[in-house]
Amino acid sequence: MIKQVETVKAPAAVGPYSQAVISKGQVYCSGMLPLNPESGNIPGSTVEEQTKQVLENITALLQELELNLEDVIKTTIFLDSIDTFQQVNQIYGEYFSNHKPARSCVEVAAIPKGALVEIEGIAQMD
């Protein structure tokens, strides 16, 4: 059975999908944009600011399930330019300092809403 996860503490989905779903003890978080959950706007124009907002949004979504970043087992980072890899890595490392999940990072042609970064993840509930 698949359970949908929705919280007002993270940005609403910008399309016909769930913020996350739970299946067999794993939480599959959809790609999170750097949107402020209250305003729906992207705060900040730098990839560093946007990466922080994305990771705060993921943290808020996980907290809704009484989980945290240490429960994350895999992330995928989408960048509008691979040239920002080091800046994103710096901020990412502040959030995942001791616990380091498996990760992929790719450059894409465009990210919804003109964002510079998007991150999706998988977390383990047990």
PDB file of N, CA and C in Angstrom:
ATOM      1  N   MET A   1       0.840  -1.188   0.000  1.00  0.00           N
ATOM      2  CA  MET A   1       0.000   0.000   0.000  1.00  0.00           C
ATOM      3  C   MET A   1       0.885   1.251   0.000  1.00  0.00           C
ATOM      4  N   ILE A   2       0.539   2.203  -0.805  1.00  0.00           N
ATOM      5  CA  ILE A   2       1.286   3.451  -0.901  1.00  0.00           C
ATOM      6  C   ILE A   2       0.488   4.551  -0.205  1.00  0.00           C
ATOM      7  N   LYS A   3       1.176   5.311   0.646  1.00  0.00           N
ATOM      8  CA  LYS A   3       0.541   6.408   1.379  1.00  0.00           C
ATOM      9  C   LYS A   3       1.143   7.725   0.892  1.00  0.00           C
ATOM     10  N   GLN A   4       0.296   8.675   0.566  1.00  0.00           N
ATOM     11  CA  GLN A   4       0.760   9.996   0.153  1.00  0.00           C
ATOM     12  C   GLN A   4       1.083  10.835   1.376  1.00  0.00           C
ATOM     13  N   VAL A   5       2.113  11.672   1.241  1.00  0.00           N
ATOM     14  CA  VAL A   5       2.528  12.565   2.317  1.00  0.00           C
ATOM     15  C   VAL A   5       2.364  13.997   1.829  1.00  0.00           C
ATOM     16  N   GLU A   6       1.686  14.812   2.614  1.00  0.00           N
ATOM     17  CA  GLU A   6       1.515  16.229   2.299  1.00  0.00           C
ATOM     18  C   GLU A   6       1.671  17.024   3.592  1.00  0.00           C
ATOM     19  N   THR A   7       2.359  18.150   3.516  1.00  0.00           N
ATOM     20  CA  THR A   7       2.485  19.045   4.659  1.00  0.00           C
ATOM     21  C   THR A   7       2.536  20.485   4.176  1.00  0.00           C
ATOM     22  N   VAL A   8       1.989  21.392   4.957  1.00  0.00           N
ATOM     23  CA  VAL A   8       2.060  22.815   4.624  1.00  0.00           C
ATOM     24  C   VAL A   8       3.421  23.403   5.012  1.00  0.00           C
ATOM     25  N   LYS A   9       4.235  22.604   5.715  1.00  0.00           N
ATOM     26  CA  LYS A   9       5.558  23.065   6.139  1.00  0.00           C
ATOM     27  C   LYS A   9       6.575  23.024   5.006  1.00  0.00           C
ATOM     28  N   ALA A  10       6.206  22.388   3.902  1.00  0.00           N
ATOM     29  CA  ALA A  10       7.049  22.343   2.711  1.00  0.00           C
ATOM     30  C   ALA A  10       6.203  22.855   1.541  1.00  0.00           C
ATOM     31  N   PRO A  11       6.844  23.299   0.476  1.00  0.00           N
ATOM     32  CA  PRO A  11       6.074  23.834  -0.650  1.00  0.00           C
ATOM     33  C   PRO A  11       5.112  22.804  -1.244  1.00  0.00           C
ATOM     34  N   ALA A  12       3.970  23.289  -1.661  1.00  0.00           N
ATOM     35  CA  ALA A  12       3.001  22.427  -2.325  1.00  0.00           C
ATOM     36  C   ALA A  12       3.568  21.970  -3.667  1.00  0.00           C
ATOM     37  N   ALA A  13       3.129  20.822  -4.111  1.00  0.00           N
ATOM     38  CA  ALA A  13       3.548  20.318  -5.418  1.00  0.00           C
ATOM     39  C   ALA A  13       3.109  21.299  -6.506  1.00  0.00           C
ATOM     40  N   VAL A  14       3.950  21.473  -7.523  1.00  0.00           N
ATOM     41  CA  VAL A  14       3.622  22.394  -8.614  1.00  0.00           C
ATOM     42  C   VAL A  14       3.018  21.642  -9.802  1.00  0.00           C
ATOM     43  N   GLY A  15       2.603  20.413  -9.573  1.00  0.00           N
ATOM     44  CA  GLY A  15       1.992  19.597 -10.610  1.00  0.00           C
ATOM     45  C   GLY A  15       1.209  18.459  -9.985  1.00  0.00           C
ATOM     46  N   PRO A  16       0.766  17.521 -10.801  1.00  0.00           N
ATOM     47  CA  PRO A  16      -0.037  16.402 -10.299  1.00  0.00           C
ATOM     48  C   PRO A  16       0.826  15.295  -9.696  1.00  0.00           C
ATOM     49  N   TYR A  17       1.411  15.580  -8.550  1.00  0.00           N
ATOM     50  CA  TYR A  17       2.230  14.603  -7.833  1.00  0.00           C
ATOM     51  C   TYR A  17       2.202  14.924  -6.351  1.00  0.00           C
ATOM     52  N   SER A  18       2.662  13.986  -5.535  1.00  0.00           N
ATOM     53  CA  SER A  18       2.709  14.155  -4.084  1.00  0.00           C
ATOM     54  C   SER A  18       4.055  14.725  -3.670  1.00  0.00           C
ATOM     55  N   GLN A  19       4.088  15.423  -2.540  1.00  0.00           N
ATOM     56  CA  GLN A  19       5.365  15.873  -1.986  1.00  0.00           C
ATOM     57  C   GLN A  19       6.245  14.662  -1.701  1.00  0.00           C
ATOM     58  N   ALA A  20       5.619  13.594  -1.232  1.00  0.00           N
ATOM     59  CA  ALA A  20       6.325  12.337  -0.966  1.00  0.00           C
ATOM     60  C   ALA A  20       5.296  11.220  -0.899  1.00  0.00           C
ATOM     61  N   VAL A  21       5.794  10.000  -1.041  1.00  0.00           N
ATOM     62  CA  VAL A  21       4.963   8.822  -0.819  1.00  0.00           C
ATOM     63  C   VAL A  21       5.750   7.842   0.041  1.00  0.00           C
ATOM     64  N   ILE A  22       5.004   7.035   0.792  1.00  0.00           N
ATOM     65  CA  ILE A  22       5.618   5.995   1.621  1.00  0.00           C
ATOM     66  C   ILE A  22       5.224   4.646   1.048  1.00  0.00           C
ATOM     67  N   SER A  23       6.219   3.783   0.878  1.00  0.00           N
ATOM     68  CA  SER A  23       5.976   2.429   0.428  1.00  0.00           C
ATOM     69  C   SER A  23       6.984   1.496   1.089  1.00  0.00           C
ATOM     70  N   LYS A  24       6.476   0.475   1.757  1.00  0.00           N
ATOM     71  CA  LYS A  24       7.305  -0.560   2.373  1.00  0.00           C
ATOM     72  C   LYS A  24       8.420   0.023   3.250  1.00  0.00           C
ATOM     73  N   GLY A  25       8.069   1.018   4.058  1.00  0.00           N
ATOM     74  CA  GLY A  25       9.015   1.586   5.012  1.00  0.00           C
ATOM     75  C   GLY A  25       9.995   2.591   4.445  1.00  0.00           C
ATOM     76  N   GLN A  26       9.816   2.946   3.178  1.00  0.00           N
ATOM     77  CA  GLN A  26      10.680   3.963   2.585  1.00  0.00           C
ATOM     78  C   GLN A  26       9.854   5.168   2.168  1.00  0.00           C
ATOM     79  N   VAL A  27      10.459   6.348   2.339  1.00  0.00           N
ATOM     80  CA  VAL A  27       9.826   7.599   1.962  1.00  0.00           C
ATOM     81  C   VAL A  27      10.522   8.099   0.700  1.00  0.00           C
ATOM     82  N   TYR A  28       9.745   8.270  -0.353  1.00  0.00           N
ATOM     83  CA  TYR A  28      10.260   8.777  -1.622  1.00  0.00           C
ATOM     84  C   TYR A  28       9.824  10.232  -1.748  1.00  0.00           C
ATOM     85  N   CYS A  29      10.778  11.139  -1.560  1.00  0.00           N
ATOM     86  CA  CYS A  29      10.498  12.569  -1.619  1.00  0.00           C
ATOM     87  C   CYS A  29      10.649  13.050  -3.058  1.00  0.00           C
ATOM     88  N   SER A  30       9.615  13.684  -3.569  1.00  0.00           N
ATOM     89  CA  SER A  30       9.687  14.249  -4.909  1.00  0.00           C
ATOM     90  C   SER A  30      10.757  15.330  -4.958  1.00  0.00           C
ATOM     91  N   GLY A  31      11.170  15.666  -6.153  1.00  0.00           N
ATOM     92  CA  GLY A  31      12.135  16.747  -6.306  1.00  0.00           C
ATOM     93  C   GLY A  31      11.622  18.002  -5.619  1.00  0.00           C
ATOM     94  N   MET A  32      12.430  18.539  -4.712  1.00  0.00           N
ATOM     95  CA  MET A  32      12.032  19.709  -3.934  1.00  0.00           C
ATOM     96  C   MET A  32      12.665  20.951  -4.548  1.00  0.00           C
ATOM     97  N   LEU A  33      11.830  21.925  -4.803  1.00  0.00           N
ATOM     98  CA  LEU A  33      12.295  23.212  -5.323  1.00  0.00           C
ATOM     99  C   LEU A  33      12.591  24.161  -4.168  1.00  0.00           C
ATOM    100  N   PRO A  34      13.355  25.211  -4.441  1.00  0.00           N
ATOM    101  CA  PRO A  34      13.668  26.180  -3.386  1.00  0.00           C
ATOM    102  C   PRO A  34      12.556  27.209  -3.194  1.00  0.00           C
ATOM    103  N   LEU A  35      11.357  26.724  -2.942  1.00  0.00           N
ATOM    104  CA  LEU A  35      10.211  27.614  -2.747  1.00  0.00           C
ATOM    105  C   LEU A  35       9.943  27.818  -1.269  1.00  0.00           C
ATOM    106  N   ASN A  36       9.669  29.055  -0.900  1.00  0.00           N
ATOM    107  CA  ASN A  36       9.224  29.341   0.453  1.00  0.00           C
ATOM    108  C   ASN A  36       7.828  28.742   0.591  1.00  0.00           C
ATOM    109  N   PRO A  37       7.583  27.883   1.594  1.00  0.00           N
ATOM    110  CA  PRO A  37       6.282  27.223   1.709  1.00  0.00           C
ATOM    111  C   PRO A  37       5.122  28.180   1.940  1.00  0.00           C
ATOM    112  N   GLU A  38       5.390  29.335   2.521  1.00  0.00           N
ATOM    113  CA  GLU A  38       4.312  30.285   2.807  1.00  0.00           C
ATOM    114  C   GLU A  38       3.976  31.153   1.604  1.00  0.00           C
ATOM    115  N   SER A  39       5.009  31.672   0.926  1.00  0.00           N
ATOM    116  CA  SER A  39       4.767  32.590  -0.181  1.00  0.00           C
ATOM    117  C   SER A  39       4.721  31.904  -1.545  1.00  0.00           C
ATOM    118  N   GLY A  40       5.371  30.745  -1.657  1.00  0.00           N
ATOM    119  CA  GLY A  40       5.450  30.073  -2.946  1.00  0.00           C
ATOM    120  C   GLY A  40       6.508  30.660  -3.860  1.00  0.00           C
ATOM    121  N   ASN A  41       7.263  31.633  -3.346  1.00  0.00           N
ATOM    122  CA  ASN A  41       8.309  32.286  -4.132  1.00  0.00           C
ATOM    123  C   ASN A  41       9.674  31.663  -3.847  1.00  0.00           C
ATOM    124  N   ILE A  42      10.594  31.877  -4.777  1.00  0.00           N
ATOM    125  CA  ILE A  42      11.971  31.447  -4.575  1.00  0.00           C
ATOM    126  C   ILE A  42      12.701  32.560  -3.831  1.00  0.00           C
ATOM    127  N   PRO A  43      13.124  32.294  -2.588  1.00  0.00           N
ATOM    128  CA  PRO A  43      13.859  33.321  -1.844  1.00  0.00           C
ATOM    129  C   PRO A  43      15.345  33.267  -2.194  1.00  0.00           C
ATOM    130  N   GLY A  44      15.872  34.357  -2.631  1.00  0.00           N
ATOM    131  CA  GLY A  44      17.294  34.403  -2.947  1.00  0.00           C
ATOM    132  C   GLY A  44      17.562  34.119  -4.415  1.00  0.00           C
ATOM    133  N   SER A  45      18.637  34.692  -4.893  1.00  0.00           N
ATOM    134  CA  SER A  45      18.992  34.535  -6.304  1.00  0.00           C
ATOM    135  C   SER A  45      20.246  33.703  -6.501  1.00  0.00           C
ATOM    136  N   THR A  46      20.911  33.300  -5.386  1.00  0.00           N
ATOM    137  CA  THR A  46      22.139  32.528  -5.517  1.00  0.00           C
ATOM    138  C   THR A  46      21.847  31.041  -5.323  1.00  0.00           C
ATOM    139  N   VAL A  47      22.704  30.213  -5.880  1.00  0.00           N
ATOM    140  CA  VAL A  47      22.526  28.774  -5.720  1.00  0.00           C
ATOM    141  C   VAL A  47      22.702  28.372  -4.257  1.00  0.00           C
ATOM    142  N   GLU A  48      23.525  29.089  -3.501  1.00  0.00           N
ATOM    143  CA  GLU A  48      23.700  28.791  -2.079  1.00  0.00           C
ATOM    144  C   GLU A  48      22.392  29.026  -1.315  1.00  0.00           C
ATOM    145  N   GLU A  49      21.772  30.168  -1.546  1.00  0.00           N
ATOM    146  CA  GLU A  49      20.505  30.474  -0.868  1.00  0.00           C
ATOM    147  C   GLU A  49      19.429  29.466  -1.249  1.00  0.00           C
ATOM    148  N   GLN A  50      19.384  29.127  -2.520  1.00  0.00           N
ATOM    149  CA  GLN A  50      18.366  28.193  -2.988  1.00  0.00           C
ATOM    150  C   GLN A  50      18.607  26.781  -2.462  1.00  0.00           C
ATOM    151  N   THR A  51      19.861  26.370  -2.373  1.00  0.00           N
ATOM    152  CA  THR A  51      20.171  25.048  -1.829  1.00  0.00           C
ATOM    153  C   THR A  51      19.749  24.964  -0.366  1.00  0.00           C
ATOM    154  N   LYS A  52      20.017  26.012   0.401  1.00  0.00           N
ATOM    155  CA  LYS A  52      19.575  26.036   1.801  1.00  0.00           C
ATOM    156  C   LYS A  52      18.063  25.893   1.893  1.00  0.00           C
ATOM    157  N   GLN A  53      17.333  26.622   1.049  1.00  0.00           N
ATOM    158  CA  GLN A  53      15.872  26.554   1.092  1.00  0.00           C
ATOM    159  C   GLN A  53      15.383  25.149   0.740  1.00  0.00           C
ATOM    160  N   VAL A  54      15.979  24.529  -0.269  1.00  0.00           N
ATOM    161  CA  VAL A  54      15.596  23.164  -0.640  1.00  0.00           C
ATOM    162  C   VAL A  54      15.809  22.215   0.538  1.00  0.00           C
ATOM    163  N   LEU A  55      16.972  22.292   1.174  1.00  0.00           N
ATOM    164  CA  LEU A  55      17.279  21.377   2.278  1.00  0.00           C
ATOM    165  C   LEU A  55      16.414  21.659   3.504  1.00  0.00           C
ATOM    166  N   GLU A  56      16.053  22.901   3.727  1.00  0.00           N
ATOM    167  CA  GLU A  56      15.100  23.221   4.797  1.00  0.00           C
ATOM    168  C   GLU A  56      13.730  22.633   4.482  1.00  0.00           C
ATOM    169  N   ASN A  57      13.331  22.683   3.217  1.00  0.00           N
ATOM    170  CA  ASN A  57      12.044  22.111   2.811  1.00  0.00           C
ATOM    171  C   ASN A  57      12.032  20.593   2.986  1.00  0.00           C
ATOM    172  N   ILE A  58      13.121  19.943   2.612  1.00  0.00           N
ATOM    173  CA  ILE A  58      13.216  18.493   2.790  1.00  0.00           C
ATOM    174  C   ILE A  58      13.182  18.141   4.276  1.00  0.00           C
ATOM    175  N   THR A  59      13.896  18.911   5.076  1.00  0.00           N
ATOM    176  CA  THR A  59      13.896  18.701   6.529  1.00  0.00           C
ATOM    177  C   THR A  59      12.486  18.819   7.093  1.00  0.00           C
ATOM    178  N   ALA A  60      11.744  19.837   6.669  1.00  0.00           N
ATOM    179  CA  ALA A  60      10.371  20.039   7.150  1.00  0.00           C
ATOM    180  C   ALA A  60       9.462  18.886   6.741  1.00  0.00           C
ATOM    181  N   LEU A  61       9.632  18.405   5.531  1.00  0.00           N
ATOM    182  CA  LEU A  61       8.823  17.279   5.066  1.00  0.00           C
ATOM    183  C   LEU A  61       9.122  16.027   5.888  1.00  0.00           C
ATOM    184  N   LEU A  62      10.391  15.766   6.137  1.00  0.00           N
ATOM    185  CA  LEU A  62      10.769  14.610   6.942  1.00  0.00           C
ATOM    186  C   LEU A  62      10.257  14.730   8.377  1.00  0.00           C
ATOM    187  N   GLN A  63      10.317  15.945   8.936  1.00  0.00           N
ATOM    188  CA  GLN A  63       9.842  16.150  10.306  1.00  0.00           C
ATOM    189  C   GLN A  63       8.359  15.836  10.436  1.00  0.00           C
ATOM    190  N   GLU A  64       7.611  16.042   9.381  1.00  0.00           N
ATOM    191  CA  GLU A  64       6.190  15.704   9.381  1.00  0.00           C
ATOM    192  C   GLU A  64       5.997  14.212   9.654  1.00  0.00           C
ATOM    193  N   LEU A  65       7.000  13.418   9.302  1.00  0.00           N
ATOM    194  CA  LEU A  65       6.949  11.965   9.498  1.00  0.00           C
ATOM    195  C   LEU A  65       7.795  11.518  10.690  1.00  0.00           C
ATOM    196  N   GLU A  66       8.227  12.485  11.507  1.00  0.00           N
ATOM    197  CA  GLU A  66       9.103  12.242  12.652  1.00  0.00           C
ATOM    198  C   GLU A  66      10.426  11.614  12.221  1.00  0.00           C
ATOM    199  N   LEU A  67      10.930  12.081  11.082  1.00  0.00           N
ATOM    200  CA  LEU A  67      12.227  11.661  10.555  1.00  0.00           C
ATOM    201  C   LEU A  67      13.125  12.888  10.456  1.00  0.00           C
ATOM    202  N   ASN A  68      14.394  12.650  10.142  1.00  0.00           N
ATOM    203  CA  ASN A  68      15.318  13.760   9.921  1.00  0.00           C
ATOM    204  C   ASN A  68      16.298  13.384   8.813  1.00  0.00           C
ATOM    205  N   LEU A  69      17.236  14.251   8.529  1.00  0.00           N
ATOM    206  CA  LEU A  69      18.166  14.015   7.432  1.00  0.00           C
ATOM    207  C   LEU A  69      19.019  12.764   7.628  1.00  0.00           C
ATOM    208  N   GLU A  70      19.199  12.332   8.861  1.00  0.00           N
ATOM    209  CA  GLU A  70      19.979  11.116   9.107  1.00  0.00           C
ATOM    210  C   GLU A  70      19.248   9.856   8.647  1.00  0.00           C
ATOM    211  N   ASP A  71      17.966   9.991   8.335  1.00  0.00           N
ATOM    212  CA  ASP A  71      17.186   8.863   7.819  1.00  0.00           C
ATOM    213  C   ASP A  71      17.252   8.777   6.288  1.00  0.00           C
ATOM    214  N   VAL A  72      17.869   9.762   5.654  1.00  0.00           N
ATOM    215  CA  VAL A  72      17.972   9.792   4.194  1.00  0.00           C
ATOM    216  C   VAL A  72      19.042   8.799   3.745  1.00  0.00           C
ATOM    217  N   ILE A  73      18.681   7.970   2.771  1.00  0.00           N
ATOM    218  CA  ILE A  73      19.628   6.968   2.275  1.00  0.00           C
ATOM    219  C   ILE A  73      20.132   7.277   0.867  1.00  0.00           C
ATOM    220  N   LYS A  74      19.428   8.149   0.118  1.00  0.00           N
ATOM    221  CA  LYS A  74      19.835   8.475  -1.251  1.00  0.00           C
ATOM    222  C   LYS A  74      19.257   9.822  -1.639  1.00  0.00           C
ATOM    223  N   THR A  75      20.067  10.648  -2.295  1.00  0.00           N
ATOM    224  CA  THR A  75      19.574  11.902  -2.857  1.00  0.00           C
ATOM    225  C   THR A  75      20.013  12.005  -4.312  1.00  0.00           C
ATOM    226  N   THR A  76      19.281  12.794  -5.052  1.00  0.00           N
ATOM    227  CA  THR A  76      19.671  13.175  -6.407  1.00  0.00           C
ATOM    228  C   THR A  76      19.551  14.683  -6.488  1.00  0.00           C
ATOM    229  N   ILE A  77      20.635  15.324  -6.922  1.00  0.00           N
ATOM    230  CA  ILE A  77      20.669  16.775  -7.061  1.00  0.00           C
ATOM    231  C   ILE A  77      20.626  17.119  -8.543  1.00  0.00           C
ATOM    232  N   PHE A  78      19.746  18.037  -8.889  1.00  0.00           N
ATOM    233  CA  PHE A  78      19.642  18.536 -10.257  1.00  0.00           C
ATOM    234  C   PHE A  78      20.094  19.996 -10.251  1.00  0.00           C
ATOM    235  N   LEU A  79      21.073  20.310 -11.082  1.00  0.00           N
ATOM    236  CA  LEU A  79      21.606  21.673 -11.171  1.00  0.00           C
ATOM    237  C   LEU A  79      21.331  22.238 -12.552  1.00  0.00           C
ATOM    238  N   ASP A  80      21.043  23.540 -12.619  1.00  0.00           N
ATOM    239  CA  ASP A  80      20.893  24.145 -13.936  1.00  0.00           C
ATOM    240  C   ASP A  80      22.255  24.381 -14.585  1.00  0.00           C
ATOM    241  N   SER A  81      23.318  24.325 -13.769  1.00  0.00           N
ATOM    242  CA  SER A  81      24.688  24.449 -14.286  1.00  0.00           C
ATOM    243  C   SER A  81      25.632  23.658 -13.389  1.00  0.00           C
ATOM    244  N   ILE A  82      26.374  22.744 -13.958  1.00  0.00           N
ATOM    245  CA  ILE A  82      27.330  21.957 -13.186  1.00  0.00           C
ATOM    246  C   ILE A  82      28.438  22.846 -12.619  1.00  0.00           C
ATOM    247  N   ASP A  83      28.554  24.050 -13.141  1.00  0.00           N
ATOM    248  CA  ASP A  83      29.551  25.001 -12.632  1.00  0.00           C
ATOM    249  C   ASP A  83      29.277  25.404 -11.185  1.00  0.00           C
ATOM    250  N   THR A  84      28.057  25.165 -10.694  1.00  0.00           N
ATOM    251  CA  THR A  84      27.712  25.519  -9.311  1.00  0.00           C
ATOM    252  C   THR A  84      27.873  24.323  -8.365  1.00  0.00           C
ATOM    253  N   PHE A  85      28.460  23.245  -8.861  1.00  0.00           N
ATOM    254  CA  PHE A  85      28.608  22.023  -8.073  1.00  0.00           C
ATOM    255  C   PHE A  85      29.297  22.287  -6.738  1.00  0.00           C
ATOM    256  N   GLN A  86      30.400  23.013  -6.724  1.00  0.00           N
ATOM    257  CA  GLN A  86      31.145  23.253  -5.478  1.00  0.00           C
ATOM    258  C   GLN A  86      30.324  24.052  -4.472  1.00  0.00           C
ATOM    259  N   GLN A  87      29.611  25.067  -4.934  1.00  0.00           N
ATOM    260  CA  GLN A  87      28.790  25.877  -4.016  1.00  0.00           C
ATOM    261  C   GLN A  87      27.678  25.033  -3.394  1.00  0.00           C
ATOM    262  N   VAL A  88      27.036  24.212  -4.206  1.00  0.00           N
ATOM    263  CA  VAL A  88      25.972  23.342  -3.707  1.00  0.00           C
ATOM    264  C   VAL A  88      26.566  22.317  -2.743  1.00  0.00           C
ATOM    265  N   ASN A  89      27.710  21.761  -3.101  1.00  0.00           N
ATOM    266  CA  ASN A  89      28.375  20.775  -2.256  1.00  0.00           C
ATOM    267  C   ASN A  89      28.693  21.351  -0.874  1.00  0.00           C
ATOM    268  N   GLN A  90      29.114  22.598  -0.832  1.00  0.00           N
ATOM    269  CA  GLN A  90      29.436  23.260   0.437  1.00  0.00           C
ATOM    270  C   GLN A  90      28.209  23.310   1.351  1.00  0.00           C
ATOM    271  N   ILE A  91      27.091  23.776   0.821  1.00  0.00           N
ATOM    272  CA  ILE A  91      25.858  23.880   1.617  1.00  0.00           C
ATOM    273  C   ILE A  91      25.341  22.485   1.966  1.00  0.00           C
ATOM    274  N   TYR A  92      25.345  21.590   1.001  1.00  0.00           N
ATOM    275  CA  TYR A  92      24.890  20.212   1.216  1.00  0.00           C
ATOM    276  C   TYR A  92      25.685  19.567   2.358  1.00  0.00           C
ATOM    277  N   GLY A  93      26.981  19.797   2.374  1.00  0.00           N
ATOM    278  CA  GLY A  93      27.850  19.247   3.413  1.00  0.00           C
ATOM    279  C   GLY A  93      27.552  19.796   4.798  1.00  0.00           C
ATOM    280  N   GLU A  94      26.994  20.994   4.882  1.00  0.00           N
ATOM    281  CA  GLU A  94      26.600  21.553   6.174  1.00  0.00           C
ATOM    282  C   GLU A  94      25.385  20.804   6.736  1.00  0.00           C
ATOM    283  N   TYR A  95      24.513  20.332   5.861  1.00  0.00           N
ATOM    284  CA  TYR A  95      23.315  19.602   6.287  1.00  0.00           C
ATOM    285  C   TYR A  95      23.596  18.115   6.476  1.00  0.00           C
ATOM    286  N   PHE A  96      24.454  17.576   5.630  1.00  0.00           N
ATOM    287  CA  PHE A  96      24.840  16.170   5.713  1.00  0.00           C
ATOM    288  C   PHE A  96      26.313  16.106   6.093  1.00  0.00           C
ATOM    289  N   SER A  97      26.629  16.475   7.332  1.00  0.00           N
ATOM    290  CA  SER A  97      28.028  16.539   7.751  1.00  0.00           C
ATOM    291  C   SER A  97      28.546  15.189   8.225  1.00  0.00           C
ATOM    292  N   ASN A  98      27.856  14.541   9.144  1.00  0.00           N
ATOM    293  CA  ASN A  98      28.292  13.232   9.640  1.00  0.00           C
ATOM    294  C   ASN A  98      27.674  12.095   8.843  1.00  0.00           C
ATOM    295  N   HIS A  99      26.404  12.225   8.566  1.00  0.00           N
ATOM    296  CA  HIS A  99      25.670  11.212   7.803  1.00  0.00           C
ATOM    297  C   HIS A  99      25.737  11.584   6.319  1.00  0.00           C
ATOM    298  N   LYS A 100      26.263  10.701   5.517  1.00  0.00           N
ATOM    299  CA  LYS A 100      26.410  10.977   4.093  1.00  0.00           C
ATOM    300  C   LYS A 100      25.678   9.911   3.279  1.00  0.00           C
ATOM    301  N   PRO A 101      24.458  10.234   2.819  1.00  0.00           N
ATOM    302  CA  PRO A 101      23.720   9.262   2.014  1.00  0.00           C
ATOM    303  C   PRO A 101      24.362   9.098   0.632  1.00  0.00           C
ATOM    304  N   ALA A 102      23.991   8.027  -0.061  1.00  0.00           N
ATOM    305  CA  ALA A 102      24.388   7.882  -1.455  1.00  0.00           C
ATOM    306  C   ALA A 102      23.805   9.068  -2.225  1.00  0.00           C
ATOM    307  N   ARG A 103      24.489   9.456  -3.327  1.00  0.00           N
ATOM    308  CA  ARG A 103      24.042  10.670  -4.010  1.00  0.00           C
ATOM    309  C   ARG A 103      24.438  10.648  -5.472  1.00  0.00           C
ATOM    310  N   SER A 104      23.607  11.257  -6.283  1.00  0.00           N
ATOM    311  CA  SER A 104      23.918  11.545  -7.672  1.00  0.00           C
ATOM    312  C   SER A 104      23.719  13.042  -7.869  1.00  0.00           C
ATOM    313  N   CYS A 105      24.448  13.604  -8.829  1.00  0.00           N
ATOM    314  CA  CYS A 105      24.299  15.026  -9.142  1.00  0.00           C
ATOM    315  C   CYS A 105      24.430  15.181 -10.639  1.00  0.00           C
ATOM    316  N   VAL A 106      23.448  15.817 -11.246  1.00  0.00           N
ATOM    317  CA  VAL A 106      23.452  15.993 -12.697  1.00  0.00           C
ATOM    318  C   VAL A 106      23.053  17.405 -13.084  1.00  0.00           C
ATOM    319  N   GLU A 107      23.572  17.826 -14.221  1.00  0.00           N
ATOM    320  CA  GLU A 107      23.142  19.093 -14.822  1.00  0.00           C
ATOM    321  C   GLU A 107      21.955  18.802 -15.733  1.00  0.00           C
ATOM    322  N   VAL A 108      20.960  19.671 -15.656  1.00  0.00           N
ATOM    323  CA  VAL A 108      19.774  19.530 -16.496  1.00  0.00           C
ATOM    324  C   VAL A 108      19.571  20.813 -17.303  1.00  0.00           C
ATOM    325  N   ALA A 109      18.782  20.730 -18.360  1.00  0.00           N
ATOM    326  CA  ALA A 109      18.559  21.887 -19.225  1.00  0.00           C
ATOM    327  C   ALA A 109      17.806  23.003 -18.512  1.00  0.00           C
ATOM    328  N   ALA A 110      16.848  22.625 -17.670  1.00  0.00           N
ATOM    329  CA  ALA A 110      16.053  23.633 -16.954  1.00  0.00           C
ATOM    330  C   ALA A 110      15.375  22.970 -15.763  1.00  0.00           C
ATOM    331  N   ILE A 111      15.096  23.787 -14.758  1.00  0.00           N
ATOM    332  CA  ILE A 111      14.393  23.338 -13.554  1.00  0.00           C
ATOM    333  C   ILE A 111      13.119  24.163 -13.459  1.00  0.00           C
ATOM    334  N   PRO A 112      11.996  23.557 -13.050  1.00  0.00           N
ATOM    335  CA  PRO A 112      10.751  24.315 -12.950  1.00  0.00           C
ATOM    336  C   PRO A 112      10.908  25.618 -12.149  1.00  0.00           C
ATOM    337  N   LYS A 113      10.116  26.585 -12.548  1.00  0.00           N
ATOM    338  CA  LYS A 113      10.064  27.900 -11.898  1.00  0.00           C
ATOM    339  C   LYS A 113      11.374  28.672 -12.022  1.00  0.00           C
ATOM    340  N   GLY A 114      12.285  28.238 -12.902  1.00  0.00           N
ATOM    341  CA  GLY A 114      13.553  28.936 -13.077  1.00  0.00           C
ATOM    342  C   GLY A 114      14.525  28.743 -11.932  1.00  0.00           C
ATOM    343  N   ALA A 115      14.303  27.713 -11.119  1.00  0.00           N
ATOM    344  CA  ALA A 115      15.188  27.444  -9.985  1.00  0.00           C
ATOM    345  C   ALA A 115      16.574  27.039 -10.478  1.00  0.00           C
ATOM    346  N   LEU A 116      17.552  27.206  -9.604  1.00  0.00           N
ATOM    347  CA  LEU A 116      18.935  26.835  -9.907  1.00  0.00           C
ATOM    348  C   LEU A 116      19.276  25.429  -9.441  1.00  0.00           C
ATOM    349  N   VAL A 117      18.475  24.889  -8.504  1.00  0.00           N
ATOM    350  CA  VAL A 117      18.747  23.577  -7.909  1.00  0.00           C
ATOM    351  C   VAL A 117      17.429  22.917  -7.505  1.00  0.00           C
ATOM    352  N   GLU A 118      17.418  21.600  -7.585  1.00  0.00           N
ATOM    353  CA  GLU A 118      16.292  20.778  -7.129  1.00  0.00           C
ATOM    354  C   GLU A 118      16.909  19.512  -6.544  1.00  0.00           C
ATOM    355  N   ILE A 119      16.346  19.034  -5.439  1.00  0.00           N
ATOM    356  CA  ILE A 119      16.880  17.817  -4.805  1.00  0.00           C
ATOM    357  C   ILE A 119      15.720  16.883  -4.469  1.00  0.00           C
ATOM    358  N   GLU A 120      15.891  15.599  -4.802  1.00  0.00           N
ATOM    359  CA  GLU A 120      14.937  14.572  -4.395  1.00  0.00           C
ATOM    360  C   GLU A 120      15.647  13.595  -3.493  1.00  0.00           C
ATOM    361  N   GLY A 121      14.888  12.831  -2.723  1.00  0.00           N
ATOM    362  CA  GLY A 121      15.549  11.908  -1.809  1.00  0.00           C
ATOM    363  C   GLY A 121      14.691  10.729  -1.417  1.00  0.00           C
ATOM    364  N   ILE A 122      15.358   9.734  -0.857  1.00  0.00           N
ATOM    365  CA  ILE A 122      14.707   8.549  -0.318  1.00  0.00           C
ATOM    366  C   ILE A 122      15.163   8.417   1.126  1.00  0.00           C
ATOM    367  N   ALA A 123      14.205   8.215   2.025  1.00  0.00           N
ATOM    368  CA  ALA A 123      14.532   8.039   3.450  1.00  0.00           C
ATOM    369  C   ALA A 123      13.961   6.711   3.919  1.00  0.00           C
ATOM    370  N   GLN A 124      14.594   6.148   4.926  1.00  0.00           N
ATOM    371  CA  GLN A 124      14.177   4.881   5.525  1.00  0.00           C
ATOM    372  C   GLN A 124      13.441   5.161   6.825  1.00  0.00           C
ATOM    373  N   MET A 125      12.265   4.581   7.003  1.00  0.00           N
ATOM    374  CA  MET A 125      11.476   4.834   8.206  1.00  0.00           C
ATOM    375  C   MET A 125      11.930   3.977   9.377  1.00  0.00           C
ATOM    376  N   ASP A 126      12.438   2.795   9.141  1.00  0.00           N
ATOM    377  CA  ASP A 126      12.820   1.906  10.242  1.00  0.00           C
ATOM    378  C   ASP A 126      14.295   1.620  10.201  1.00  0.00           C
TER     379      ASP A 126
END
